[in-house]
Protein backbone atom coordinates (compact mmCIF):
# COMPACT_ATOMS: atom_id res chain seq x y z
CA UNK A 1 -25.43 0.96 6.08
CA UNK A 2 -24.86 -2.11 4.15
CA UNK A 3 -21.22 -1.81 2.54
CA UNK A 4 -20.02 -4.25 -0.24
CA UNK A 5 -16.13 -5.13 -0.74
CA UNK A 6 -15.20 -6.43 -3.47
CA UNK A 7 -13.49 -8.10 -5.70
CA UNK A 8 -9.55 -8.42 -4.31
CA UNK A 9 -8.03 -9.18 -1.24
CA UNK A 10 -4.92 -8.00 -2.34
CA UNK A 11 -2.18 -7.98 0.66
CA UNK A 12 -5.40 -8.36 2.87
CA UNK A 13 -6.64 -4.98 2.61
CA UNK A 14 -10.07 -5.83 1.96
CA UNK A 15 -10.16 -8.30 4.87
CA UNK A 16 -8.49 -5.63 7.42
CA UNK A 17 -11.22 -2.86 6.59
CA UNK A 18 -14.32 -5.28 6.73
CA UNK A 19 -13.55 -6.20 10.00
CA UNK A 20 -12.62 -2.97 11.32
CA UNK A 21 -15.62 -1.41 9.65
CA UNK A 22 -17.76 -3.56 11.57
CA UNK A 23 -16.56 -2.76 14.85
CA UNK A 24 -17.25 0.73 13.92
CA UNK A 25 -20.96 -0.47 13.26
CA UNK A 26 -20.97 -0.87 9.58
CA UNK A 27 -23.16 -3.74 7.74
CA UNK A 28 -19.64 -4.74 5.59
CA UNK A 29 -19.42 -7.63 3.37
CA UNK A 30 -16.41 -8.80 1.77
CA UNK A 31 -16.36 -11.07 -0.81
CA UNK A 32 -13.55 -11.97 -3.42
CA UNK A 33 -12.13 -14.40 -5.77
CA UNK A 34 -9.86 -17.11 -4.02
CA UNK A 35 -6.53 -16.58 -5.85
CA UNK A 36 -3.34 -18.35 -4.85
CA UNK A 37 -1.12 -15.61 -4.09
CA UNK A 38 1.83 -14.41 -1.71
CA UNK A 39 -0.96 -11.59 -0.11
CA UNK A 40 -3.61 -13.01 0.27
CA UNK A 41 -3.65 -14.96 3.44
CA UNK A 42 -5.72 -12.98 5.52
CA UNK A 43 -8.93 -13.60 5.06
CA UNK A 44 -10.69 -13.64 8.47
CA UNK A 45 -14.27 -11.98 7.72
CA UNK A 46 -14.54 -12.05 4.28
CA UNK A 47 -16.19 -14.81 1.88
CA UNK A 48 -13.73 -16.69 -0.93
CA UNK A 49 -14.69 -17.77 -3.99
CA UNK A 50 -12.61 -20.48 -5.99
CA UNK A 51 -15.59 -20.67 -9.00
CA UNK A 52 -16.22 -17.39 -10.83
CA UNK A 53 -19.94 -18.50 -11.40
CA UNK A 54 -20.60 -18.77 -7.62
CA UNK A 55 -18.30 -15.46 -7.07
CA UNK A 56 -20.44 -13.62 -9.88
CA UNK A 57 -24.13 -15.04 -8.43
CA UNK A 58 -22.78 -13.79 -4.81
CA UNK A 59 -22.01 -10.52 -6.04
CA UNK A 60 -25.48 -9.97 -8.01
CA UNK A 61 -27.34 -10.77 -4.91
CA UNK A 62 -25.11 -8.60 -2.60
CA UNK A 63 -25.45 -5.74 -4.85
CA UNK A 64 -28.61 -5.17 -4.93
CA UNK A 65 -28.85 -4.92 -0.88
CA UNK A 66 -25.78 -2.58 -0.63
CA UNK A 67 -25.91 0.84 0.18
CA UNK A 68 -22.22 1.58 -0.85
CA UNK A 69 -19.80 -0.17 -3.66
CA UNK A 70 -16.07 -0.42 -2.50
CA UNK A 71 -13.97 -1.63 -5.27
CA UNK A 72 -10.50 -2.60 -4.88
CA UNK A 73 -7.91 -1.76 -7.64
CA UNK A 74 -10.51 -2.23 -10.37
CA UNK A 75 -11.27 -5.69 -10.14
CA UNK A 76 -13.66 -7.12 -12.84
CA UNK A 77 -16.43 -8.77 -11.61
CA UNK A 78 -17.61 -9.54 -15.41
CA UNK A 79 -15.57 -9.89 -18.53
CA UNK A 80 -14.96 -6.27 -19.78
CA UNK A 81 -16.11 -5.01 -16.62
CA UNK A 82 -19.56 -4.87 -17.94
CA UNK A 83 -20.66 -4.66 -14.25
CA UNK A 84 -19.84 -0.98 -14.75
CA UNK A 85 -22.86 -0.62 -17.17
CA UNK A 86 -24.92 -1.92 -14.18
CA UNK A 87 -23.51 0.46 -11.47
CA UNK A 88 -23.54 3.16 -14.15
CA UNK A 89 -27.78 3.29 -13.54
CA UNK A 90 -27.09 2.40 -9.81
CA UNK A 91 -28.08 5.53 -7.26
CA UNK A 92 -25.22 3.79 -4.58
CA UNK A 93 -22.57 5.25 -3.51
CA UNK A 94 -19.68 4.11 -5.29
CA UNK A 95 -16.02 4.05 -4.51
CA UNK A 96 -13.23 2.55 -6.38
CA UNK A 97 -9.80 2.02 -4.32
CA UNK A 98 -6.69 2.49 -6.35
CA UNK A 99 -3.81 0.52 -5.17
CA UNK A 100 -0.98 0.88 -7.20
CA UNK A 101 0.19 -0.85 -10.35
CA UNK A 102 -3.23 -0.64 -12.10
CA UNK A 103 -2.93 3.17 -12.67
CA UNK A 104 0.82 3.64 -12.82
CA UNK A 105 2.01 5.74 -15.64
CA UNK A 106 5.51 4.62 -16.44
CA UNK A 107 6.41 7.83 -18.74
CA UNK A 108 5.51 9.63 -15.62
CA UNK A 109 6.89 7.89 -12.98
CA UNK A 110 9.87 7.66 -15.39
CA UNK A 111 10.26 11.23 -15.93
CA UNK A 112 10.00 11.88 -11.64
CA UNK A 113 12.17 8.78 -10.64
CA UNK A 114 15.25 7.79 -12.70
CA UNK A 115 15.38 4.57 -10.71
CA UNK A 116 12.03 3.31 -11.85
CA UNK A 117 13.28 3.98 -15.53
CA UNK A 118 16.02 1.65 -14.50
CA UNK A 119 14.07 -0.99 -13.55
CA UNK A 120 12.24 -0.80 -16.58
CA UNK A 121 15.51 -1.75 -18.59
CA UNK A 122 16.05 -4.45 -15.92
CA UNK A 123 12.74 -6.15 -16.78
CA UNK A 124 10.46 -4.77 -14.44
CA UNK A 125 8.11 -7.25 -13.39
CA UNK A 126 4.47 -5.91 -13.66
CA UNK A 127 2.69 -4.89 -16.36
CA UNK A 128 1.97 -1.24 -16.29
CA UNK A 129 0.76 1.42 -19.37
CA UNK A 130 -0.12 5.10 -19.34
CA UNK A 131 -3.08 4.21 -21.80
CA UNK A 132 -4.03 1.28 -19.11
CA UNK A 133 -4.64 3.85 -16.49
CA UNK A 134 -6.05 6.46 -18.47
CA UNK A 135 -8.82 3.93 -20.05
CA UNK A 136 -9.60 2.23 -16.24
CA UNK A 137 -9.76 5.37 -14.39
CA UNK A 138 -12.07 7.35 -17.23
CA UNK A 139 -14.32 4.09 -17.38
CA UNK A 140 -15.01 3.98 -13.50
CA UNK A 141 -15.40 7.84 -13.62
CA UNK A 142 -17.81 7.31 -16.42
CA UNK A 143 -19.41 4.51 -14.48
CA UNK A 144 -20.18 7.43 -11.03
CA UNK A 145 -17.28 5.68 -8.94
CA UNK A 146 -15.51 8.07 -6.56
CA UNK A 147 -12.01 7.72 -6.67
CA UNK A 148 -9.66 6.98 -3.64
CA UNK A 149 -5.97 7.17 -3.88
CA UNK A 150 -4.16 4.53 -0.70
CA UNK A 151 -1.02 5.94 -1.45
CA UNK A 152 0.72 9.78 -2.22
CA UNK A 153 2.60 8.73 -4.78
CA UNK A 154 -0.36 7.78 -6.84
CA UNK A 155 -1.34 11.18 -6.82
CA UNK A 156 0.91 11.79 -9.61
CA UNK A 157 -1.27 9.56 -12.13
CA UNK A 158 -4.77 10.61 -11.34
CA UNK A 159 -6.95 12.30 -14.00
CA UNK A 160 -9.84 12.15 -12.48
CA UNK A 161 -11.03 14.17 -8.56
CA UNK A 162 -9.54 11.89 -5.68
CA UNK A 163 -9.70 11.62 -2.04
CA UNK A 164 -7.12 9.24 -0.29
CA UNK A 165 -6.70 7.24 2.78
CA UNK A 166 -3.69 5.15 4.29
CA UNK A 167 -3.37 1.92 3.73
CA UNK A 168 -4.31 0.06 7.28
CA UNK A 169 -3.10 -2.93 9.27
CA UNK A 170 -4.32 -4.18 12.63
CA UNK A 171 -1.41 -2.12 14.96
CA UNK A 172 -1.12 -3.99 18.21
CA UNK A 173 -2.20 -1.70 21.24
CA UNK A 174 1.40 -1.17 22.76
CA UNK A 175 4.51 -1.42 21.43
CA UNK A 176 6.55 -4.31 20.95
CA UNK A 177 9.62 -4.98 23.06
CA UNK A 178 12.60 -4.84 21.02
CA UNK A 179 16.12 -5.76 21.74
CA UNK A 180 19.08 -3.40 22.05
CA UNK A 181 20.57 -3.31 18.07
CA UNK A 182 23.25 -5.81 18.27
CA UNK A 183 26.81 -5.21 16.39
CA UNK A 184 25.76 -7.31 13.69
CA UNK A 185 21.94 -6.83 13.44
CA UNK A 186 19.55 -9.32 11.77
CA UNK A 187 18.38 -7.63 8.20
CA UNK A 188 14.80 -8.63 6.76
CA UNK A 189 14.33 -7.88 3.06
CA UNK A 190 10.96 -9.80 1.58
CA UNK A 191 10.20 -8.24 -1.76
CA UNK A 192 7.63 -9.16 -3.60
CA UNK A 193 9.35 -8.54 -7.34
CA UNK A 194 13.21 -8.49 -6.80
CA UNK A 195 13.58 -6.24 -10.04
CA UNK A 196 11.67 -3.41 -8.93
CA UNK A 197 12.38 -3.43 -5.11
CA UNK A 198 15.83 -3.54 -5.80
CA UNK A 199 17.25 -6.67 -4.18
CA UNK A 200 20.34 -6.91 -5.99
CA UNK A 201 21.58 -3.40 -4.31
CA UNK A 202 20.73 -4.92 -0.75
CA UNK A 203 22.37 -8.31 -1.64
CA UNK A 204 25.56 -6.48 -2.81
CA UNK A 205 25.36 -4.49 0.14
CA UNK A 206 25.08 -7.18 2.87
CA UNK A 207 27.85 -8.98 1.29
CA UNK A 208 29.67 -5.67 2.33
CA UNK A 209 28.65 -4.98 5.93
CA UNK A 210 28.63 -8.76 7.05
CA UNK A 211 25.31 -8.67 8.95
CA UNK A 212 22.73 -11.29 9.41
CA UNK A 213 21.05 -11.27 6.39
CA UNK A 214 17.14 -13.01 5.75
CA UNK A 215 15.50 -12.80 2.09
CA UNK A 216 12.25 -13.95 1.71
CA UNK A 217 11.08 -13.63 -1.86
CA UNK A 218 7.32 -14.09 -2.52
CA UNK A 219 6.37 -15.41 0.97
CA UNK A 220 2.99 -15.20 2.49
CA UNK A 221 2.20 -12.56 4.25
CA UNK A 222 2.46 -14.87 7.82
CA UNK A 223 5.71 -15.90 6.91
CA UNK A 224 7.19 -11.69 6.52
CA UNK A 225 4.87 -11.05 9.39
CA UNK A 226 6.81 -13.75 12.02
CA UNK A 227 9.90 -12.63 10.73
CA UNK A 228 9.28 -8.71 10.88
CA UNK A 229 9.13 -9.74 14.47
CA UNK A 230 12.57 -11.65 14.99
CA UNK A 231 14.32 -8.46 12.52
CA UNK A 232 16.48 -5.92 13.91
CA UNK A 233 16.06 -3.96 10.65
CA UNK A 234 13.51 -4.02 7.89
CA UNK A 235 14.76 -3.23 4.12
CA UNK A 236 11.18 -2.38 2.00
CA UNK A 237 12.36 -1.04 -1.40
CA UNK A 238 15.08 1.14 -2.92
CA UNK A 239 13.57 1.86 -6.77
CA UNK A 240 10.02 2.82 -6.56
CA UNK A 241 10.01 6.14 -4.44
CA UNK A 242 6.95 4.84 -1.79
CA UNK A 243 6.91 2.85 1.11
CA UNK A 244 4.79 -0.14 0.70
CA UNK A 245 2.75 -2.65 3.22
CA UNK A 246 6.15 -4.46 4.60
CA UNK A 247 7.27 -1.14 5.67
CA UNK A 248 3.52 -0.35 7.74
CA UNK A 249 4.03 -3.77 9.27
CA UNK A 250 7.83 -3.43 10.29
CA UNK A 251 6.69 0.45 11.76
CA UNK A 252 3.88 -1.48 13.47
CA UNK A 253 6.33 -3.61 15.58
CA UNK A 254 8.60 -1.15 16.20
CA UNK A 255 11.57 -2.01 13.78
CA UNK A 256 13.50 0.49 11.85
CA UNK A 257 12.80 0.45 7.77
CA UNK A 258 15.11 1.47 5.19
CA UNK A 259 13.18 3.07 1.92
CA UNK A 260 13.42 5.08 -0.98
CA UNK A 261 10.78 7.51 -0.96
CA UNK A 262 10.92 10.51 -3.51
CA UNK A 263 10.48 13.85 -2.53
CA UNK A 264 7.43 14.62 -4.71
CA UNK A 265 5.95 11.73 -2.15
CA UNK A 266 7.03 13.47 1.21
CA UNK A 267 4.26 16.32 1.41
CA UNK A 268 1.31 13.46 2.13
CA UNK A 269 2.53 11.96 5.14
CA UNK A 270 2.77 13.51 8.68
CA UNK A 271 6.00 14.70 10.38
CA UNK A 272 7.95 13.03 11.49
CA UNK A 273 8.64 10.16 9.13
CA UNK A 274 9.91 7.75 11.00
CA UNK A 275 11.99 5.97 7.45
CA UNK A 276 15.53 5.61 7.15
CA UNK A 277 15.69 6.91 3.39
CA UNK A 278 17.43 5.50 0.87
CA UNK A 279 18.25 5.02 -3.00
CA UNK A 280 20.32 2.32 -5.17
CA UNK A 281 22.96 4.75 -5.48
CA UNK A 282 23.20 5.67 -1.69
CA UNK A 283 22.99 2.62 0.15
CA UNK A 284 25.75 2.88 2.89
CA UNK A 285 23.48 1.00 5.65
CA UNK A 286 25.57 1.62 8.95
CA UNK A 287 25.88 4.87 8.60
CA UNK A 288 21.97 5.48 7.80
CA UNK A 289 20.66 3.35 10.58
CA UNK A 290 23.23 5.37 13.36
CA UNK A 291 22.26 8.55 12.03
CA UNK A 292 18.55 8.17 11.06
CA UNK A 293 16.52 4.86 13.28
CA UNK A 294 14.29 6.27 15.08
CA UNK A 295 13.28 4.93 18.22
CA UNK A 296 11.16 1.59 18.52
CA UNK A 297 8.24 3.38 20.39
CA UNK A 298 8.30 6.66 17.54
CA UNK A 299 7.95 3.92 14.36
CA UNK A 300 5.02 2.09 16.80
CA UNK A 301 3.18 4.96 17.64
CA UNK A 302 3.48 6.58 14.10
CA UNK A 303 1.63 3.24 12.54
CA UNK A 304 -0.77 3.10 15.34
CA UNK A 305 -1.92 6.98 14.36
CA UNK A 306 -1.61 7.05 11.24
CA UNK A 307 -2.17 3.31 9.81
CA UNK A 308 -4.57 1.48 12.61
CA UNK A 309 -7.36 -0.27 10.85
CA UNK A 310 -9.73 1.40 13.10
CA UNK A 311 -8.87 4.94 12.27
CA UNK A 312 -8.52 4.41 8.34
CA UNK A 313 -12.36 2.72 8.75
CA UNK A 314 -13.47 6.03 10.49
CA UNK A 315 -11.70 7.90 7.58
CA UNK A 316 -13.36 5.22 4.96
CA UNK A 317 -17.09 6.12 6.86
CA UNK A 318 -16.55 9.99 6.03
CA UNK A 319 -15.87 9.31 2.47
CA UNK A 320 -18.74 7.10 1.90
CA UNK A 321 -21.06 9.99 3.76
CA UNK A 322 -19.27 13.04 1.84
CA UNK A 323 -21.41 14.66 -0.82
CA UNK A 324 -18.21 16.17 -2.48
CA UNK A 325 -14.55 15.10 -3.31
CA UNK A 326 -12.07 17.74 -1.85
CA UNK A 327 -9.30 18.52 -3.50
CA UNK A 328 -5.61 17.11 -1.75
CA UNK A 329 -3.41 20.37 -2.30
CA UNK A 330 0.31 19.58 -3.28
CA UNK A 331 3.10 21.92 -1.25
CA UNK A 332 6.03 21.49 -3.49
CA UNK A 333 8.44 24.10 -0.64
CA UNK A 334 7.09 21.60 2.28
CA UNK A 335 8.40 18.48 0.23
CA UNK A 336 11.44 20.28 -0.43
CA UNK A 337 12.10 20.92 3.34
CA UNK A 338 10.73 17.14 4.28
CA UNK A 339 13.40 16.21 1.70
CA UNK A 340 16.30 17.98 2.95
CA UNK A 341 15.67 16.95 6.51
CA UNK A 342 15.31 13.66 6.10
CA UNK A 343 16.89 12.49 3.25
CA UNK A 344 20.80 11.38 3.19
CA UNK A 345 22.54 12.81 0.17
CA UNK A 346 24.77 10.16 -1.36
C-alpha cells in the first residue's frame, strides 16, 4: 500500500508518521513545503520543497502512484484547493487529518471554555472562524475525504463523520532516569502563542513560588526537547482546554506536566490521565504538584502505550483499510467522573 502524506510537516507529525509506517511495511512517502516554522525541524524521511512549483510537480507525480492520500490540516496544494477537484474523481482512499485551529469554532469553544473566550478579548494569536471551519470540512467531505481528528477536543467542531487517532512521537523504549524533585524545581514553559497558552498567569505564579523558571517563546522543537530533559516540571497551557505535543514529549521523558483539560475532553483519554490539571484561576503550583504528580514511570508508560509512533501507525493502517467510519461515542457521565477525580477545584 503506497501512502502519500502532504502538504505540511506541522509539529513534525508527517515525518514521524512516515517513518513509523515504513517500519510497519507500508510504502509511505511524505512531501511538504519547506516553510520556516518553529515546529518544522524534524524532517528525516520526507522531502521538503522551498519552491511551490517543484512541490506541485512532485505531488502530481506521487498522486498517480499513491493508493492512499493523507492530507494534514486541510493544507493547499493548488490555490483555492483546486486539487480537491482531481481528488473528487479519484477512487483512491483519502484521509484528511484535522489538527486544531483550521476547524476550531470560536463560538463553540467560547461556550464550552470561558478561558478561551477570555483569550479572544486579549488578542488570541490564531485566525479561526466558524464559517471557515464549516467550509473546509464540507469541501473535503464532498471530495470524498474521510475525516480524522488527532485530539479529543476537536470532536466538538466536527460537522461530518470522523475517526480519531492520537498525536505521535518516537517514545523511548525505556523510561529515562529522573532526579528526585528538588525544593526549587526547574520549570519549563515553552508556548508557541503566549496569549492562548496563558503565559502571563504562569509568569505571575512563578514570581510567587520562586522556582527556577525557563520560558521559551516560539523556540524550535529540538531546543524544547533538550530543555524538557533538563526540566523537573513542564507547563503546557492553562487556557485552551486540551493538552498539546509539549505534554506528550514531557510525559515520554517521565516529567510531570501541568495543563488545563476541560471536562468534556476527559472522556476521550485513557485512565488514569497522568497530568496535573490546572487552569488560569487555580494555579497553585506547589499544592497541585504535591497532590497530583505521578511517578516518572507512569508518565512514560502512558506516552509509550498511547502516543508512540508505531502504535499510532498501526491505527492509521486500520483506518486506511477500513470500509466505514465508526461513530465515536461521547459519555458525559464518564467525563464527570474523570473531572472530579483528577481536577483540583479552586
